[in-house]
Amino acid sequence: MTTYDELAQRYIDTWNETDPSARRAAVDQLFTEDARYVDPMAAAEGHDAIASMIGVVQQQFPDFRFRLAGPVDGHHDQARFGWELGPEGSPAPIVGFDVAVSDASGRIQTVLGFLDKVPAAG
């Protein structure tokens, strides 16, 4: 089984994958078939929807990258980690944390996302 740190980093790497086929392959490997993602602004179920949602976020923020923020915490089958989204080398205007619940093989079944800092709509 993967460690919580490895799982969180693979998750962040998947969100940063800009090539659609490589991103889809990463989603297929990381998430279970019936995986579910939900945060205050989006919800997606299954590989197609999750890969598509990531692509939409990348289009919305084309020069931004996700990065882990702080330590990854985990127990049993769940990992909790903070993340930032912003331009490389600059303070991130978007900050949140996710809880990822995985199955016995270490693939993600559910992601519960929370947004701590989001810029005001202009």
C-alpha atoms as a PDB file:
ATOM      1  CA  MET A   1       0.000   0.000   0.000  1.00  0.00           C
ATOM      2  CA  THR A   2       1.218   3.508  -0.757  1.00  0.00           C
ATOM      3  CA  THR A   3       2.014   5.905   2.029  1.00  0.00           C
ATOM      4  CA  TYR A   4      -0.200   8.904   2.667  1.00  0.00           C
ATOM      5  CA  ASP A   5       2.545  11.236   1.392  1.00  0.00           C
ATOM      6  CA  GLU A   6       2.896   9.281  -1.854  1.00  0.00           C
ATOM      7  CA  LEU A   7      -0.868   9.197  -2.375  1.00  0.00           C
ATOM      8  CA  ALA A   8      -1.182  12.956  -1.852  1.00  0.00           C
ATOM      9  CA  GLN A   9       1.740  13.684  -4.205  1.00  0.00           C
ATOM     10  CA  ARG A  10       0.319  11.433  -6.935  1.00  0.00           C
ATOM     11  CA  TYR A  11      -3.003  13.225  -6.521  1.00  0.00           C
ATOM     12  CA  ILE A  12      -1.366  16.663  -6.878  1.00  0.00           C
ATOM     13  CA  ASP A  13       0.645  15.417  -9.874  1.00  0.00           C
ATOM     14  CA  THR A  14      -2.594  14.259 -11.524  1.00  0.00           C
ATOM     15  CA  TRP A  15      -4.122  17.730 -11.069  1.00  0.00           C
ATOM     16  CA  ASN A  16      -1.001  19.237 -12.683  1.00  0.00           C
ATOM     17  CA  GLU A  17      -0.923  16.878 -15.688  1.00  0.00           C
ATOM     18  CA  THR A  18      -1.722  19.029 -18.724  1.00  0.00           C
ATOM     19  CA  ASP A  19      -1.632  16.326 -21.415  1.00  0.00           C
ATOM     20  CA  PRO A  20      -5.215  14.983 -21.646  1.00  0.00           C
ATOM     21  CA  SER A  21      -4.220  11.356 -22.369  1.00  0.00           C
ATOM     22  CA  ALA A  22      -1.555  11.279 -19.657  1.00  0.00           C
ATOM     23  CA  ARG A  23      -4.008  12.923 -17.242  1.00  0.00           C
ATOM     24  CA  ARG A  24      -6.670  10.321 -18.052  1.00  0.00           C
ATOM     25  CA  ALA A  25      -4.124   7.500 -17.543  1.00  0.00           C
ATOM     26  CA  ALA A  26      -3.163   9.016 -14.177  1.00  0.00           C
ATOM     27  CA  VAL A  27      -6.842   9.250 -13.148  1.00  0.00           C
ATOM     28  CA  ASP A  28      -7.396   5.621 -14.218  1.00  0.00           C
ATOM     29  CA  GLN A  29      -4.451   4.463 -12.097  1.00  0.00           C
ATOM     30  CA  LEU A  30      -5.114   6.632  -9.046  1.00  0.00           C
ATOM     31  CA  PHE A  31      -8.908   6.453  -8.684  1.00  0.00           C
ATOM     32  CA  THR A  32     -11.323   3.529  -8.389  1.00  0.00           C
ATOM     33  CA  GLU A  33     -13.846   3.114 -11.230  1.00  0.00           C
ATOM     34  CA  ASP A  34     -16.665   4.542  -9.097  1.00  0.00           C
ATOM     35  CA  ALA A  35     -14.588   7.303  -7.500  1.00  0.00           C
ATOM     36  CA  ARG A  36     -16.337  10.469  -6.382  1.00  0.00           C
ATOM     37  CA  TYR A  37     -14.929  13.985  -5.991  1.00  0.00           C
ATOM     38  CA  VAL A  38     -16.856  16.801  -4.321  1.00  0.00           C
ATOM     39  CA  ASP A  39     -15.924  20.330  -3.209  1.00  0.00           C
ATOM     40  CA  PRO A  40     -17.975  23.522  -2.751  1.00  0.00           C
ATOM     41  CA  MET A  41     -17.748  24.359  -6.468  1.00  0.00           C
ATOM     42  CA  ALA A  42     -17.736  20.986  -8.259  1.00  0.00           C
ATOM     43  CA  ALA A  43     -18.744  17.358  -8.081  1.00  0.00           C
ATOM     44  CA  ALA A  44     -17.631  14.508 -10.324  1.00  0.00           C
ATOM     45  CA  GLU A  45     -18.179  10.754 -10.362  1.00  0.00           C
ATOM     46  CA  GLY A  46     -16.115   8.264 -12.334  1.00  0.00           C
ATOM     47  CA  HIS A  47     -12.944   8.528 -14.368  1.00  0.00           C
ATOM     48  CA  ASP A  48     -14.413  10.490 -17.288  1.00  0.00           C
ATOM     49  CA  ALA A  49     -15.967  13.153 -15.068  1.00  0.00           C
ATOM     50  CA  ILE A  50     -12.912  13.515 -12.798  1.00  0.00           C
ATOM     51  CA  ALA A  51     -10.470  13.822 -15.727  1.00  0.00           C
ATOM     52  CA  SER A  52     -12.778  16.326 -17.410  1.00  0.00           C
ATOM     53  CA  MET A  53     -13.166  18.392 -14.234  1.00  0.00           C
ATOM     54  CA  ILE A  54      -9.385  18.604 -13.830  1.00  0.00           C
ATOM     55  CA  GLY A  55      -9.093  19.777 -17.441  1.00  0.00           C
ATOM     56  CA  VAL A  56     -11.716  22.485 -16.844  1.00  0.00           C
ATOM     57  CA  VAL A  57      -9.830  23.762 -13.773  1.00  0.00           C
ATOM     58  CA  GLN A  58      -6.609  23.861 -15.801  1.00  0.00           C
ATOM     59  CA  GLN A  59      -8.353  25.883 -18.530  1.00  0.00           C
ATOM     60  CA  GLN A  60      -9.706  28.279 -15.913  1.00  0.00           C
ATOM     61  CA  PHE A  61      -6.231  28.755 -14.366  1.00  0.00           C
ATOM     62  CA  PRO A  62      -3.808  28.011 -17.239  1.00  0.00           C
ATOM     63  CA  ASP A  63      -0.626  29.336 -15.611  1.00  0.00           C
ATOM     64  CA  PHE A  64      -1.322  27.948 -12.131  1.00  0.00           C
ATOM     65  CA  ARG A  65       0.055  24.783 -10.534  1.00  0.00           C
ATOM     66  CA  PHE A  66      -1.108  22.793  -7.552  1.00  0.00           C
ATOM     67  CA  ARG A  67       1.358  22.121  -4.740  1.00  0.00           C
ATOM     68  CA  LEU A  68       1.123  20.448  -1.365  1.00  0.00           C
ATOM     69  CA  ALA A  69       1.010  22.868   1.553  1.00  0.00           C
ATOM     70  CA  GLY A  70       2.206  21.450   4.835  1.00  0.00           C
ATOM     71  CA  PRO A  71       2.401  17.883   6.047  1.00  0.00           C
ATOM     72  CA  VAL A  72       0.117  15.057   4.964  1.00  0.00           C
ATOM     73  CA  ASP A  73      -1.841  13.465   7.803  1.00  0.00           C
ATOM     74  CA  GLY A  74      -3.475  10.079   7.591  1.00  0.00           C
ATOM     75  CA  HIS A  75      -4.958   7.145   9.397  1.00  0.00           C
ATOM     76  CA  HIS A  76      -6.751   3.990   8.344  1.00  0.00           C
ATOM     77  CA  ASP A  77      -7.823   4.538   4.742  1.00  0.00           C
ATOM     78  CA  GLN A  78      -7.918   8.334   4.714  1.00  0.00           C
ATOM     79  CA  ALA A  79      -5.389  11.065   4.050  1.00  0.00           C
ATOM     80  CA  ARG A  80      -5.795  14.778   4.780  1.00  0.00           C
ATOM     81  CA  PHE A  81      -3.581  17.375   3.151  1.00  0.00           C
ATOM     82  CA  GLY A  82      -3.458  21.059   2.376  1.00  0.00           C
ATOM     83  CA  TRP A  83      -2.768  22.367  -1.097  1.00  0.00           C
ATOM     84  CA  GLU A  84      -2.237  25.657  -2.887  1.00  0.00           C
ATOM     85  CA  LEU A  85      -3.016  26.703  -6.447  1.00  0.00           C
ATOM     86  CA  GLY A  86      -1.124  29.562  -8.006  1.00  0.00           C
ATOM     87  CA  PRO A  87       1.700  30.625 -10.272  1.00  0.00           C
ATOM     88  CA  GLU A  88       5.014  28.895  -9.608  1.00  0.00           C
ATOM     89  CA  GLY A  89       7.291  30.952  -7.373  1.00  0.00           C
ATOM     90  CA  SER A  90       4.483  33.265  -6.232  1.00  0.00           C
ATOM     91  CA  PRO A  91       2.036  33.258  -3.334  1.00  0.00           C
ATOM     92  CA  ALA A  92      -1.037  31.159  -4.098  1.00  0.00           C
ATOM     93  CA  PRO A  93      -4.363  32.988  -4.350  1.00  0.00           C
ATOM     94  CA  ILE A  94      -6.287  29.716  -3.878  1.00  0.00           C
ATOM     95  CA  VAL A  95      -5.786  27.468  -0.848  1.00  0.00           C
ATOM     96  CA  GLY A  96      -7.674  24.443   0.381  1.00  0.00           C
ATOM     97  CA  PHE A  97      -7.446  20.994   1.842  1.00  0.00           C
ATOM     98  CA  ASP A  98      -8.723  17.618   0.751  1.00  0.00           C
ATOM     99  CA  VAL A  99      -9.543  14.370   2.458  1.00  0.00           C
ATOM    100  CA  ALA A 100      -8.938  11.350   0.224  1.00  0.00           C
ATOM    101  CA  VAL A 101     -10.423   7.988   1.180  1.00  0.00           C
ATOM    102  CA  SER A 102      -8.796   4.994  -0.477  1.00  0.00           C
ATOM    103  CA  ASP A 103      -9.625   1.329  -0.920  1.00  0.00           C
ATOM    104  CA  ALA A 104      -7.529  -1.646   0.224  1.00  0.00           C
ATOM    105  CA  SER A 105      -5.321  -1.399  -2.882  1.00  0.00           C
ATOM    106  CA  GLY A 106      -4.524   2.280  -2.232  1.00  0.00           C
ATOM    107  CA  ARG A 107      -6.704   3.726  -5.010  1.00  0.00           C
ATOM    108  CA  ILE A 108      -8.824   6.755  -4.177  1.00  0.00           C
ATOM    109  CA  GLN A 109     -12.567   6.135  -3.772  1.00  0.00           C
ATOM    110  CA  THR A 110     -13.681   9.537  -2.501  1.00  0.00           C
ATOM    111  CA  VAL A 111     -12.210  13.020  -2.286  1.00  0.00           C
ATOM    112  CA  LEU A 112     -13.846  15.620  -0.058  1.00  0.00           C
ATOM    113  CA  GLY A 113     -12.433  19.030  -0.933  1.00  0.00           C
ATOM    114  CA  PHE A 114     -12.582  22.246   1.074  1.00  0.00           C
ATOM    115  CA  LEU A 115     -11.651  25.747  -0.034  1.00  0.00           C
ATOM    116  CA  ASP A 116     -10.012  27.968   2.584  1.00  0.00           C
ATOM    117  CA  LYS A 117      -9.031  30.915   0.375  1.00  0.00           C
ATOM    118  CA  VAL A 118     -10.579  31.873  -2.955  1.00  0.00           C
ATOM    119  CA  PRO A 119     -10.225  35.266  -4.663  1.00  0.00           C
ATOM    120  CA  ALA A 120     -13.349  37.390  -4.832  1.00  0.00           C
ATOM    121  CA  ALA A 121     -15.057  37.361  -8.211  1.00  0.00           C
ATOM    122  CA  GLY A 122     -14.210  40.487 -10.132  1.00  0.00           C
END
